[in-house]
Amino acid sequence: MNKIYKLKSSKSFEYIHKHGKSFANNNLVLIVAPTKFNLKVGFSVSKKLGKAVVRNKVKRRLREGFRQLIPCLNQHFNYMFIAKQTAAECDYHQLLSSMKHLLLKMNLVENKDFFNDIN
């Protein structure tokens, strides 16, 4: 995923957490806040999930899944994904389907035909 899409500062994370709307499923929580600029995304994986190897693996899978979904999404929102403990046992396809489920639930998908083809 390109650096231009990454949320970097802790203030950005705090703003999204404070002012955003959230939805959750078994594996992930998605918090979304509108922005004047282009979309950015941040991923949060707690130490409760496991050691660094497990946390990094979950973040890599989430980043790759989101990278594929970027062309289909509304570009005027900031996204923050928080991994739940069950995400540690999920493979890439399960995490991707959880992400897709949350994005559809929040009505953030613009190109649904292309979105459904991603797997």
PDB file of N, CA and C in Angstrom:
ATOM      1  N   MET A   1       0.838  -1.167   0.000  1.00  0.00           N
ATOM      2  CA  MET A   1       0.000   0.000   0.000  1.00  0.00           C
ATOM      3  C   MET A   1       0.890   1.240   0.000  1.00  0.00           C
ATOM      4  N   ASN A   2       0.535   2.226  -0.796  1.00  0.00           N
ATOM      5  CA  ASN A   2       1.312   3.456  -0.888  1.00  0.00           C
ATOM      6  C   ASN A   2       1.287   4.235   0.414  1.00  0.00           C
ATOM      7  N   LYS A   3       2.349   4.999   0.631  1.00  0.00           N
ATOM      8  CA  LYS A   3       2.439   5.817   1.842  1.00  0.00           C
ATOM      9  C   LYS A   3       1.395   6.919   1.882  1.00  0.00           C
ATOM     10  N   ILE A   4       0.913   7.339   0.718  1.00  0.00           N
ATOM     11  CA  ILE A   4      -0.055   8.439   0.696  1.00  0.00           C
ATOM     12  C   ILE A   4      -1.380   8.050   1.352  1.00  0.00           C
ATOM     13  N   TYR A   5      -1.634   6.769   1.506  1.00  0.00           N
ATOM     14  CA  TYR A   5      -2.882   6.308   2.095  1.00  0.00           C
ATOM     15  C   TYR A   5      -2.774   6.052   3.600  1.00  0.00           C
ATOM     16  N   LYS A   6      -1.600   6.194   4.190  1.00  0.00           N
ATOM     17  CA  LYS A   6      -1.410   5.824   5.586  1.00  0.00           C
ATOM     18  C   LYS A   6      -1.691   6.977   6.535  1.00  0.00           C
ATOM     19  N   LEU A   7      -2.420   6.671   7.600  1.00  0.00           N
ATOM     20  CA  LEU A   7      -2.556   7.609   8.711  1.00  0.00           C
ATOM     21  C   LEU A   7      -1.304   7.481   9.547  1.00  0.00           C
ATOM     22  N   LYS A   8      -0.692   8.607   9.899  1.00  0.00           N
ATOM     23  CA  LYS A   8       0.594   8.522  10.579  1.00  0.00           C
ATOM     24  C   LYS A   8       0.567   9.071  11.991  1.00  0.00           C
ATOM     25  N   SER A   9      -0.091  10.187  12.203  1.00  0.00           N
ATOM     26  CA  SER A   9       0.008  10.825  13.512  1.00  0.00           C
ATOM     27  C   SER A   9      -1.028  10.262  14.484  1.00  0.00           C
ATOM     28  N   SER A  10      -0.681  10.306  15.741  1.00  0.00           N
ATOM     29  CA  SER A  10      -1.607   9.825  16.772  1.00  0.00           C
ATOM     30  C   SER A  10      -2.813  10.759  16.875  1.00  0.00           C
ATOM     31  N   LYS A  11      -2.635  12.036  16.499  1.00  0.00           N
ATOM     32  CA  LYS A  11      -3.764  12.965  16.506  1.00  0.00           C
ATOM     33  C   LYS A  11      -4.816  12.543  15.483  1.00  0.00           C
ATOM     34  N   SER A  12      -4.391  12.035  14.352  1.00  0.00           N
ATOM     35  CA  SER A  12      -5.332  11.564  13.334  1.00  0.00           C
ATOM     36  C   SER A  12      -6.132  10.377  13.854  1.00  0.00           C
ATOM     37  N   PHE A  13      -5.443   9.445  14.503  1.00  0.00           N
ATOM     38  CA  PHE A  13      -6.116   8.286  15.079  1.00  0.00           C
ATOM     39  C   PHE A  13      -7.117   8.729  16.144  1.00  0.00           C
ATOM     40  N   GLU A  14      -6.708   9.667  16.999  1.00  0.00           N
ATOM     41  CA  GLU A  14      -7.596  10.163  18.056  1.00  0.00           C
ATOM     42  C   GLU A  14      -8.822  10.846  17.469  1.00  0.00           C
ATOM     43  N   TYR A  15      -8.625  11.653  16.424  1.00  0.00           N
ATOM     44  CA  TYR A  15      -9.740  12.352  15.801  1.00  0.00           C
ATOM     45  C   TYR A  15     -10.753  11.365  15.227  1.00  0.00           C
ATOM     46  N   ILE A  16     -10.276  10.379  14.515  1.00  0.00           N
ATOM     47  CA  ILE A  16     -11.175   9.383  13.925  1.00  0.00           C
ATOM     48  C   ILE A  16     -11.893   8.610  15.016  1.00  0.00           C
ATOM     49  N   HIS A  17     -11.174   8.244  16.050  1.00  0.00           N
ATOM     50  CA  HIS A  17     -11.773   7.484  17.144  1.00  0.00           C
ATOM     51  C   HIS A  17     -12.842   8.307  17.860  1.00  0.00           C
ATOM     52  N   LYS A  18     -12.613   9.608  17.982  1.00  0.00           N
ATOM     53  CA  LYS A  18     -13.526  10.481  18.716  1.00  0.00           C
ATOM     54  C   LYS A  18     -14.739  10.884  17.879  1.00  0.00           C
ATOM     55  N   HIS A  19     -14.529  11.203  16.599  1.00  0.00           N
ATOM     56  CA  HIS A  19     -15.586  11.775  15.766  1.00  0.00           C
ATOM     57  C   HIS A  19     -16.170  10.809  14.738  1.00  0.00           C
ATOM     58  N   GLY A  20     -15.658   9.597  14.667  1.00  0.00           N
ATOM     59  CA  GLY A  20     -16.103   8.681  13.627  1.00  0.00           C
ATOM     60  C   GLY A  20     -17.266   7.806  14.048  1.00  0.00           C
ATOM     61  N   LYS A  21     -17.842   7.146  13.063  1.00  0.00           N
ATOM     62  CA  LYS A  21     -18.885   6.144  13.285  1.00  0.00           C
ATOM     63  C   LYS A  21     -18.235   4.779  13.214  1.00  0.00           C
ATOM     64  N   SER A  22     -18.705   3.864  14.045  1.00  0.00           N
ATOM     65  CA  SER A  22     -18.064   2.548  14.066  1.00  0.00           C
ATOM     66  C   SER A  22     -19.081   1.434  13.864  1.00  0.00           C
ATOM     67  N   PHE A  23     -18.596   0.381  13.233  1.00  0.00           N
ATOM     68  CA  PHE A  23     -19.324  -0.863  13.074  1.00  0.00           C
ATOM     69  C   PHE A  23     -18.335  -1.991  13.319  1.00  0.00           C
ATOM     70  N   ALA A  24     -18.854  -3.136  13.726  1.00  0.00           N
ATOM     71  CA  ALA A  24     -17.964  -4.247  14.056  1.00  0.00           C
ATOM     72  C   ALA A  24     -18.563  -5.560  13.595  1.00  0.00           C
ATOM     73  N   ASN A  25     -17.695  -6.535  13.408  1.00  0.00           N
ATOM     74  CA  ASN A  25     -18.102  -7.926  13.222  1.00  0.00           C
ATOM     75  C   ASN A  25     -17.188  -8.774  14.104  1.00  0.00           C
ATOM     76  N   ASN A  26     -17.133 -10.064  13.866  1.00  0.00           N
ATOM     77  CA  ASN A  26     -16.376 -10.957  14.760  1.00  0.00           C
ATOM     78  C   ASN A  26     -14.875 -10.684  14.774  1.00  0.00           C
ATOM     79  N   ASN A  27     -14.322 -10.220  13.666  1.00  0.00           N
ATOM     80  CA  ASN A  27     -12.874 -10.094  13.553  1.00  0.00           C
ATOM     81  C   ASN A  27     -12.353  -8.666  13.621  1.00  0.00           C
ATOM     82  N   LEU A  28     -13.164  -7.698  13.192  1.00  0.00           N
ATOM     83  CA  LEU A  28     -12.669  -6.327  13.047  1.00  0.00           C
ATOM     84  C   LEU A  28     -13.680  -5.302  13.541  1.00  0.00           C
ATOM     85  N   VAL A  29     -13.167  -4.128  13.850  1.00  0.00           N
ATOM     86  CA  VAL A  29     -13.981  -2.937  14.096  1.00  0.00           C
ATOM     87  C   VAL A  29     -13.533  -1.911  13.059  1.00  0.00           C
ATOM     88  N   LEU A  30     -14.491  -1.264  12.417  1.00  0.00           N
ATOM     89  CA  LEU A  30     -14.198  -0.226  11.437  1.00  0.00           C
ATOM     90  C   LEU A  30     -14.753   1.093  11.950  1.00  0.00           C
ATOM     91  N   ILE A  31     -13.889   2.102  12.018  1.00  0.00           N
ATOM     92  CA  ILE A  31     -14.306   3.443  12.393  1.00  0.00           C
ATOM     93  C   ILE A  31     -14.019   4.349  11.202  1.00  0.00           C
ATOM     94  N   VAL A  32     -15.023   5.150  10.828  1.00  0.00           N
ATOM     95  CA  VAL A  32     -14.928   5.986   9.638  1.00  0.00           C
ATOM     96  C   VAL A  32     -15.280   7.424  10.005  1.00  0.00           C
ATOM     97  N   ALA A  33     -14.473   8.367   9.516  1.00  0.00           N
ATOM     98  CA  ALA A  33     -14.739   9.792   9.716  1.00  0.00           C
ATOM     99  C   ALA A  33     -14.566  10.519   8.387  1.00  0.00           C
ATOM    100  N   PRO A  34     -15.449  11.465   8.071  1.00  0.00           N
ATOM    101  CA  PRO A  34     -15.313  12.211   6.816  1.00  0.00           C
ATOM    102  C   PRO A  34     -14.103  13.138   6.849  1.00  0.00           C
ATOM    103  N   THR A  35     -13.566  13.410   5.675  1.00  0.00           N
ATOM    104  CA  THR A  35     -12.416  14.290   5.546  1.00  0.00           C
ATOM    105  C   THR A  35     -12.558  15.145   4.294  1.00  0.00           C
ATOM    106  N   LYS A  36     -11.900  16.286   4.284  1.00  0.00           N
ATOM    107  CA  LYS A  36     -11.896  17.155   3.108  1.00  0.00           C
ATOM    108  C   LYS A  36     -10.894  16.666   2.073  1.00  0.00           C
ATOM    109  N   PHE A  37      -9.932  15.884   2.515  1.00  0.00           N
ATOM    110  CA  PHE A  37      -8.842  15.424   1.665  1.00  0.00           C
ATOM    111  C   PHE A  37      -9.132  14.021   1.159  1.00  0.00           C
ATOM    112  N   ASN A  38      -8.139  13.396   0.548  1.00  0.00           N
ATOM    113  CA  ASN A  38      -8.303  12.033   0.059  1.00  0.00           C
ATOM    114  C   ASN A  38      -8.257  11.026   1.192  1.00  0.00           C
ATOM    115  N   LEU A  39      -8.677   9.807   0.876  1.00  0.00           N
ATOM    116  CA  LEU A  39      -8.784   8.804   1.914  1.00  0.00           C
ATOM    117  C   LEU A  39      -7.437   8.423   2.501  1.00  0.00           C
ATOM    118  N   LYS A  40      -7.481   8.093   3.775  1.00  0.00           N
ATOM    119  CA  LYS A  40      -6.329   7.563   4.493  1.00  0.00           C
ATOM    120  C   LYS A  40      -6.842   6.448   5.370  1.00  0.00           C
ATOM    121  N   VAL A  41      -5.940   5.543   5.724  1.00  0.00           N
ATOM    122  CA  VAL A  41      -6.341   4.396   6.527  1.00  0.00           C
ATOM    123  C   VAL A  41      -5.294   4.121   7.596  1.00  0.00           C
ATOM    124  N   GLY A  42      -5.769   3.655   8.732  1.00  0.00           N
ATOM    125  CA  GLY A  42      -4.879   3.257   9.811  1.00  0.00           C
ATOM    126  C   GLY A  42      -5.325   1.910  10.353  1.00  0.00           C
ATOM    127  N   PHE A  43      -4.383   1.161  10.862  1.00  0.00           N
ATOM    128  CA  PHE A  43      -4.661  -0.161  11.413  1.00  0.00           C
ATOM    129  C   PHE A  43      -4.151  -0.209  12.844  1.00  0.00           C
ATOM    130  N   SER A  44      -4.967  -0.751  13.724  1.00  0.00           N
ATOM    131  CA  SER A  44      -4.591  -0.862  15.126  1.00  0.00           C
ATOM    132  C   SER A  44      -4.710  -2.321  15.548  1.00  0.00           C
ATOM    133  N   VAL A  45      -3.607  -2.851  16.051  1.00  0.00           N
ATOM    134  CA  VAL A  45      -3.581  -4.232  16.515  1.00  0.00           C
ATOM    135  C   VAL A  45      -2.993  -4.226  17.921  1.00  0.00           C
ATOM    136  N   SER A  46      -3.782  -4.654  18.868  1.00  0.00           N
ATOM    137  CA  SER A  46      -3.401  -4.589  20.273  1.00  0.00           C
ATOM    138  C   SER A  46      -2.398  -5.674  20.642  1.00  0.00           C
ATOM    139  N   LYS A  47      -1.660  -5.438  21.715  1.00  0.00           N
ATOM    140  CA  LYS A  47      -0.728  -6.451  22.218  1.00  0.00           C
ATOM    141  C   LYS A  47      -1.454  -7.655  22.789  1.00  0.00           C
ATOM    142  N   LYS A  48      -2.753  -7.523  23.032  1.00  0.00           N
ATOM    143  CA  LYS A  48      -3.552  -8.650  23.502  1.00  0.00           C
ATOM    144  C   LYS A  48      -3.646  -9.745  22.436  1.00  0.00           C
ATOM    145  N   LEU A  49      -3.423  -9.364  21.186  1.00  0.00           N
ATOM    146  CA  LEU A  49      -3.527 -10.306  20.072  1.00  0.00           C
ATOM    147  C   LEU A  49      -2.419 -11.342  20.086  1.00  0.00           C
ATOM    148  N   GLY A  50      -1.257 -10.971  20.582  1.00  0.00           N
ATOM    149  CA  GLY A  50      -0.141 -11.897  20.594  1.00  0.00           C
ATOM    150  C   GLY A  50       1.170 -11.159  20.511  1.00  0.00           C
ATOM    151  N   LYS A  51       2.202 -11.919  20.243  1.00  0.00           N
ATOM    152  CA  LYS A  51       3.532 -11.322  20.142  1.00  0.00           C
ATOM    153  C   LYS A  51       3.662 -10.558  18.825  1.00  0.00           C
ATOM    154  N   ALA A  52       4.804  -9.913  18.643  1.00  0.00           N
ATOM    155  CA  ALA A  52       5.010  -9.017  17.506  1.00  0.00           C
ATOM    156  C   ALA A  52       4.838  -9.724  16.168  1.00  0.00           C
ATOM    157  N   VAL A  53       5.247 -10.967  16.083  1.00  0.00           N
ATOM    158  CA  VAL A  53       5.134 -11.707  14.820  1.00  0.00           C
ATOM    159  C   VAL A  53       3.674 -11.831  14.411  1.00  0.00           C
ATOM    160  N   VAL A  54       2.820 -12.162  15.359  1.00  0.00           N
ATOM    161  CA  VAL A  54       1.393 -12.327  15.077  1.00  0.00           C
ATOM    162  C   VAL A  54       0.759 -10.986  14.738  1.00  0.00           C
ATOM    163  N   ARG A  55       1.076  -9.951  15.491  1.00  0.00           N
ATOM    164  CA  ARG A  55       0.499  -8.630  15.242  1.00  0.00           C
ATOM    165  C   ARG A  55       0.906  -8.102  13.872  1.00  0.00           C
ATOM    166  N   ASN A  56       2.170  -8.263  13.516  1.00  0.00           N
ATOM    167  CA  ASN A  56       2.642  -7.799  12.213  1.00  0.00           C
ATOM    168  C   ASN A  56       2.005  -8.577  11.070  1.00  0.00           C
ATOM    169  N   LYS A  57       1.794  -9.870  11.268  1.00  0.00           N
ATOM    170  CA  LYS A  57       1.149 -10.676  10.237  1.00  0.00           C
ATOM    171  C   LYS A  57      -0.277 -10.191   9.994  1.00  0.00           C
ATOM    172  N   VAL A  58      -1.002  -9.895  11.064  1.00  0.00           N
ATOM    173  CA  VAL A  58      -2.373  -9.397  10.923  1.00  0.00           C
ATOM    174  C   VAL A  58      -2.368  -8.046  10.208  1.00  0.00           C
ATOM    175  N   LYS A  59      -1.451  -7.157  10.581  1.00  0.00           N
ATOM    176  CA  LYS A  59      -1.379  -5.845   9.927  1.00  0.00           C
ATOM    177  C   LYS A  59      -1.031  -5.972   8.449  1.00  0.00           C
ATOM    178  N   ARG A  60      -0.105  -6.862   8.100  1.00  0.00           N
ATOM    179  CA  ARG A  60       0.253  -7.060   6.688  1.00  0.00           C
ATOM    180  C   ARG A  60      -0.953  -7.535   5.893  1.00  0.00           C
ATOM    181  N   ARG A  61      -1.714  -8.477   6.455  1.00  0.00           N
ATOM    182  CA  ARG A  61      -2.892  -8.996   5.766  1.00  0.00           C
ATOM    183  C   ARG A  61      -3.954  -7.909   5.595  1.00  0.00           C
ATOM    184  N   LEU A  62      -4.149  -7.105   6.625  1.00  0.00           N
ATOM    185  CA  LEU A  62      -5.134  -6.022   6.529  1.00  0.00           C
ATOM    186  C   LEU A  62      -4.709  -4.984   5.496  1.00  0.00           C
ATOM    187  N   ARG A  63      -3.427  -4.626   5.490  1.00  0.00           N
ATOM    188  CA  ARG A  63      -2.933  -3.641   4.522  1.00  0.00           C
ATOM    189  C   ARG A  63      -3.111  -4.124   3.093  1.00  0.00           C
ATOM    190  N   GLU A  64      -2.780  -5.378   2.850  1.00  0.00           N
ATOM    191  CA  GLU A  64      -2.906  -5.916   1.499  1.00  0.00           C
ATOM    192  C   GLU A  64      -4.370  -5.977   1.073  1.00  0.00           C
ATOM    193  N   GLY A  65      -5.243  -6.378   1.966  1.00  0.00           N
ATOM    194  CA  GLY A  65      -6.667  -6.422   1.642  1.00  0.00           C
ATOM    195  C   GLY A  65      -7.212  -5.043   1.327  1.00  0.00           C
ATOM    196  N   PHE A  66      -6.830  -4.062   2.124  1.00  0.00           N
ATOM    197  CA  PHE A  66      -7.315  -2.706   1.888  1.00  0.00           C
ATOM    198  C   PHE A  66      -6.746  -2.133   0.599  1.00  0.00           C
ATOM    199  N   ARG A  67      -5.502  -2.474   0.277  1.00  0.00           N
ATOM    200  CA  ARG A  67      -4.889  -1.992  -0.962  1.00  0.00           C
ATOM    201  C   ARG A  67      -5.717  -2.402  -2.168  1.00  0.00           C
ATOM    202  N   GLN A  68      -6.250  -3.605  -2.155  1.00  0.00           N
ATOM    203  CA  GLN A  68      -7.066  -4.066  -3.271  1.00  0.00           C
ATOM    204  C   GLN A  68      -8.429  -3.381  -3.317  1.00  0.00           C
ATOM    205  N   LEU A  69      -8.919  -2.932  -2.160  1.00  0.00           N
ATOM    206  CA  LEU A  69     -10.245  -2.339  -2.089  1.00  0.00           C
ATOM    207  C   LEU A  69     -10.263  -0.840  -2.378  1.00  0.00           C
ATOM    208  N   ILE A  70      -9.110  -0.184  -2.375  1.00  0.00           N
ATOM    209  CA  ILE A  70      -9.045   1.276  -2.521  1.00  0.00           C
ATOM    210  C   ILE A  70      -9.798   1.802  -3.742  1.00  0.00           C
ATOM    211  N   PRO A  71      -9.678   1.215  -4.941  1.00  0.00           N
ATOM    212  CA  PRO A  71     -10.381   1.788  -6.103  1.00  0.00           C
ATOM    213  C   PRO A  71     -11.910   1.766  -5.980  1.00  0.00           C
ATOM    214  N   CYS A  72     -12.449   0.936  -5.110  1.00  0.00           N
ATOM    215  CA  CYS A  72     -13.899   0.785  -4.985  1.00  0.00           C
ATOM    216  C   CYS A  72     -14.508   1.689  -3.925  1.00  0.00           C
ATOM    217  N   LEU A  73     -13.700   2.329  -3.104  1.00  0.00           N
ATOM    218  CA  LEU A  73     -14.201   3.008  -1.911  1.00  0.00           C
ATOM    219  C   LEU A  73     -14.444   4.492  -2.134  1.00  0.00           C
ATOM    220  N   ASN A  74     -15.279   5.045  -1.261  1.00  0.00           N
ATOM    221  CA  ASN A  74     -15.516   6.478  -1.220  1.00  0.00           C
ATOM    222  C   ASN A  74     -14.225   7.146  -0.770  1.00  0.00           C
ATOM    223  N   GLN A  75     -13.734   8.095  -1.563  1.00  0.00           N
ATOM    224  CA  GLN A  75     -12.415   8.680  -1.334  1.00  0.00           C
ATOM    225  C   GLN A  75     -12.409   9.805  -0.310  1.00  0.00           C
ATOM    226  N   HIS A  76     -13.556  10.203   0.219  1.00  0.00           N
ATOM    227  CA  HIS A  76     -13.620  11.337   1.135  1.00  0.00           C
ATOM    228  C   HIS A  76     -13.862  10.915   2.579  1.00  0.00           C
ATOM    229  N   PHE A  77     -13.265   9.797   2.961  1.00  0.00           N
ATOM    230  CA  PHE A  77     -13.356   9.310   4.331  1.00  0.00           C
ATOM    231  C   PHE A  77     -11.989   8.825   4.791  1.00  0.00           C
ATOM    232  N   ASN A  78     -11.776   8.892   6.093  1.00  0.00           N
ATOM    233  CA  ASN A  78     -10.621   8.251   6.717  1.00  0.00           C
ATOM    234  C   ASN A  78     -11.120   6.987   7.394  1.00  0.00           C
ATOM    235  N   TYR A  79     -10.368   5.917   7.247  1.00  0.00           N
ATOM    236  CA  TYR A  79     -10.765   4.609   7.749  1.00  0.00           C
ATOM    237  C   TYR A  79      -9.782   4.160   8.824  1.00  0.00           C
ATOM    238  N   MET A  80     -10.303   3.519   9.860  1.00  0.00           N
ATOM    239  CA  MET A  80      -9.441   2.936  10.876  1.00  0.00           C
ATOM    240  C   MET A  80      -9.979   1.547  11.202  1.00  0.00           C
ATOM    241  N   PHE A  81      -9.144   0.537  11.022  1.00  0.00           N
ATOM    242  CA  PHE A  81      -9.503  -0.837  11.334  1.00  0.00           C
ATOM    243  C   PHE A  81      -8.817  -1.251  12.627  1.00  0.00           C
ATOM    244  N   ILE A  82      -9.592  -1.814  13.529  1.00  0.00           N
ATOM    245  CA  ILE A  82      -9.064  -2.327  14.787  1.00  0.00           C
ATOM    246  C   ILE A  82      -9.291  -3.829  14.793  1.00  0.00           C
ATOM    247  N   ALA A  83      -8.225  -4.581  14.981  1.00  0.00           N
ATOM    248  CA  ALA A  83      -8.314  -6.038  14.966  1.00  0.00           C
ATOM    249  C   ALA A  83      -8.762  -6.551  16.332  1.00  0.00           C
ATOM    250  N   LYS A  84      -9.711  -7.476  16.323  1.00  0.00           N
ATOM    251  CA  LYS A  84     -10.126  -8.148  17.548  1.00  0.00           C
ATOM    252  C   LYS A  84      -9.256  -9.385  17.748  1.00  0.00           C
ATOM    253  N   GLN A  85      -9.391 -10.030  18.892  1.00  0.00           N
ATOM    254  CA  GLN A  85      -8.536 -11.178  19.197  1.00  0.00           C
ATOM    255  C   GLN A  85      -8.742 -12.339  18.238  1.00  0.00           C
ATOM    256  N   THR A  86      -9.939 -12.483  17.696  1.00  0.00           N
ATOM    257  CA  THR A  86     -10.184 -13.578  16.764  1.00  0.00           C
ATOM    258  C   THR A  86      -9.446 -13.388  15.441  1.00  0.00           C
ATOM    259  N   ALA A  87      -8.998 -12.168  15.159  1.00  0.00           N
ATOM    260  CA  ALA A  87      -8.282 -11.895  13.907  1.00  0.00           C
ATOM    261  C   ALA A  87      -6.933 -12.607  13.853  1.00  0.00           C
ATOM    262  N   ALA A  88      -6.385 -12.964  14.992  1.00  0.00           N
ATOM    263  CA  ALA A  88      -5.080 -13.641  15.025  1.00  0.00           C
ATOM    264  C   ALA A  88      -5.157 -15.024  14.382  1.00  0.00           C
ATOM    265  N   GLU A  89      -6.306 -15.683  14.466  1.00  0.00           N
ATOM    266  CA  GLU A  89      -6.452 -17.020  13.884  1.00  0.00           C
ATOM    267  C   GLU A  89      -6.963 -16.998  12.453  1.00  0.00           C
ATOM    268  N   CYS A  90      -7.325 -15.830  11.945  1.00  0.00           N
ATOM    269  CA  CYS A  90      -7.897 -15.732  10.596  1.00  0.00           C
ATOM    270  C   CYS A  90      -6.808 -15.734   9.537  1.00  0.00           C
ATOM    271  N   ASP A  91      -7.139 -16.308   8.390  1.00  0.00           N
ATOM    272  CA  ASP A  91      -6.228 -16.190   7.261  1.00  0.00           C
ATOM    273  C   ASP A  91      -6.598 -14.936   6.459  1.00  0.00           C
ATOM    274  N   TYR A  92      -5.879 -14.703   5.376  1.00  0.00           N
ATOM    275  CA  TYR A  92      -6.059 -13.489   4.581  1.00  0.00           C
ATOM    276  C   TYR A  92      -7.483 -13.364   4.048  1.00  0.00           C
ATOM    277  N   HIS A  93      -8.047 -14.446   3.519  1.00  0.00           N
ATOM    278  CA  HIS A  93      -9.363 -14.385   2.895  1.00  0.00           C
ATOM    279  C   HIS A  93     -10.461 -14.102   3.912  1.00  0.00           C
ATOM    280  N   GLN A  94     -10.319 -14.614   5.121  1.00  0.00           N
ATOM    281  CA  GLN A  94     -11.304 -14.324   6.161  1.00  0.00           C
ATOM    282  C   GLN A  94     -11.252 -12.860   6.570  1.00  0.00           C
ATOM    283  N   LEU A  95     -10.048 -12.310   6.697  1.00  0.00           N
ATOM    284  CA  LEU A  95      -9.925 -10.896   7.039  1.00  0.00           C
ATOM    285  C   LEU A  95     -10.459 -10.007   5.918  1.00  0.00           C
ATOM    286  N   LEU A  96     -10.180 -10.389   4.676  1.00  0.00           N
ATOM    287  CA  LEU A  96     -10.683  -9.616   3.533  1.00  0.00           C
ATOM    288  C   LEU A  96     -12.207  -9.627   3.508  1.00  0.00           C
ATOM    289  N   SER A  97     -12.812 -10.779   3.734  1.00  0.00           N
ATOM    290  CA  SER A  97     -14.275 -10.835   3.726  1.00  0.00           C
ATOM    291  C   SER A  97     -14.861 -10.049   4.899  1.00  0.00           C
ATOM    292  N   SER A  98     -14.175 -10.019   6.039  1.00  0.00           N
ATOM    293  CA  SER A  98     -14.636  -9.198   7.164  1.00  0.00           C
ATOM    294  C   SER A  98     -14.571  -7.717   6.815  1.00  0.00           C
ATOM    295  N   MET A  99     -13.487  -7.306   6.149  1.00  0.00           N
ATOM    296  CA  MET A  99     -13.361  -5.913   5.723  1.00  0.00           C
ATOM    297  C   MET A  99     -14.463  -5.555   4.729  1.00  0.00           C
ATOM    298  N   LYS A 100     -14.696  -6.421   3.758  1.00  0.00           N
ATOM    299  CA  LYS A 100     -15.724  -6.168   2.757  1.00  0.00           C
ATOM    300  C   LYS A 100     -17.102  -6.077   3.403  1.00  0.00           C
ATOM    301  N   HIS A 101     -17.373  -6.955   4.366  1.00  0.00           N
ATOM    302  CA  HIS A 101     -18.656  -6.951   5.060  1.00  0.00           C
ATOM    303  C   HIS A 101     -18.892  -5.615   5.765  1.00  0.00           C
ATOM    304  N   LEU A 102     -17.879  -5.123   6.470  1.00  0.00           N
ATOM    305  CA  LEU A 102     -18.020  -3.857   7.191  1.00  0.00           C
ATOM    306  C   LEU A 102     -18.189  -2.677   6.243  1.00  0.00           C
ATOM    307  N   LEU A 103     -17.447  -2.663   5.152  1.00  0.00           N
ATOM    308  CA  LEU A 103     -17.547  -1.566   4.187  1.00  0.00           C
ATOM    309  C   LEU A 103     -18.913  -1.538   3.503  1.00  0.00           C
ATOM    310  N   LEU A 104     -19.455  -2.708   3.199  1.00  0.00           N
ATOM    311  CA  LEU A 104     -20.793  -2.771   2.619  1.00  0.00           C
ATOM    312  C   LEU A 104     -21.843  -2.353   3.639  1.00  0.00           C
ATOM    313  N   LYS A 105     -21.647  -2.756   4.876  1.00  0.00           N
ATOM    314  CA  LYS A 105     -22.589  -2.432   5.955  1.00  0.00           C
ATOM    315  C   LYS A 105     -22.680  -0.920   6.161  1.00  0.00           C
ATOM    316  N   MET A 106     -21.565  -0.218   5.971  1.00  0.00           N
ATOM    317  CA  MET A 106     -21.535   1.223   6.167  1.00  0.00           C
ATOM    318  C   MET A 106     -21.810   2.005   4.877  1.00  0.00           C
ATOM    319  N   ASN A 107     -22.076   1.307   3.783  1.00  0.00           N
ATOM    320  CA  ASN A 107     -22.403   1.945   2.499  1.00  0.00           C
ATOM    321  C   ASN A 107     -21.274   2.827   1.987  1.00  0.00           C
ATOM    322  N   LEU A 108     -20.057   2.348   2.018  1.00  0.00           N
ATOM    323  CA  LEU A 108     -18.902   3.130   1.593  1.00  0.00           C
ATOM    324  C   LEU A 108     -18.344   2.673   0.253  1.00  0.00           C
ATOM    325  N   VAL A 109     -19.009   1.742  -0.396  1.00  0.00           N
ATOM    326  CA  VAL A 109     -18.522   1.183  -1.653  1.00  0.00           C
ATOM    327  C   VAL A 109     -19.180   1.926  -2.811  1.00  0.00           C
ATOM    328  N   GLU A 110     -18.359   2.405  -3.757  1.00  0.00           N
ATOM    329  CA  GLU A 110     -18.883   3.127  -4.915  1.00  0.00           C
ATOM    330  C   GLU A 110     -19.002   2.236  -6.144  1.00  0.00           C
ATOM    331  N   ASN A 111     -18.055   1.335  -6.349  1.00  0.00           N
ATOM    332  CA  ASN A 111     -18.048   0.463  -7.519  1.00  0.00           C
ATOM    333  C   ASN A 111     -18.313  -0.966  -7.057  1.00  0.00           C
ATOM    334  N   LYS A 112     -19.585  -1.330  -6.912  1.00  0.00           N
ATOM    335  CA  LYS A 112     -19.937  -2.632  -6.320  1.00  0.00           C
ATOM    336  C   LYS A 112     -19.611  -3.807  -7.234  1.00  0.00           C
ATOM    337  N   ASP A 113     -19.638  -3.605  -8.553  1.00  0.00           N
ATOM    338  CA  ASP A 113     -19.319  -4.704  -9.463  1.00  0.00           C
ATOM    339  C   ASP A 113     -17.869  -5.140  -9.300  1.00  0.00           C
ATOM    340  N   PHE A 114     -16.951  -4.193  -9.317  1.00  0.00           N
ATOM    341  CA  PHE A 114     -15.536  -4.500  -9.137  1.00  0.00           C
ATOM    342  C   PHE A 114     -15.258  -4.989  -7.713  1.00  0.00           C
ATOM    343  N   PHE A 115     -15.977  -4.429  -6.756  1.00  0.00           N
ATOM    344  CA  PHE A 115     -15.820  -4.787  -5.344  1.00  0.00           C
ATOM    345  C   PHE A 115     -16.128  -6.254  -5.115  1.00  0.00           C
ATOM    346  N   ASN A 116     -17.188  -6.768  -5.739  1.00  0.00           N
ATOM    347  CA  ASN A 116     -17.574  -8.160  -5.544  1.00  0.00           C
ATOM    348  C   ASN A 116     -16.611  -9.136  -6.214  1.00  0.00           C
ATOM    349  N   ASP A 117     -15.855  -8.674  -7.211  1.00  0.00           N
ATOM    350  CA  ASP A 117     -14.906  -9.539  -7.906  1.00  0.00           C
ATOM    351  C   ASP A 117     -13.616  -9.746  -7.130  1.00  0.00           C
ATOM    352  N   ILE A 118     -13.343  -8.899  -6.154  1.00  0.00           N
ATOM    353  CA  ILE A 118     -12.096  -9.009  -5.381  1.00  0.00           C
ATOM    354  C   ILE A 118     -12.188 -10.175  -4.419  1.00  0.00           C
ATOM    355  N   ASN A 119     -11.156 -11.039  -4.463  1.00  0.00           N
ATOM    356  CA  ASN A 119     -11.105 -12.151  -3.511  1.00  0.00           C
ATOM    357  C   ASN A 119      -9.722 -12.479  -3.122  1.00  0.00           C
TER     358      ASN A 119
END
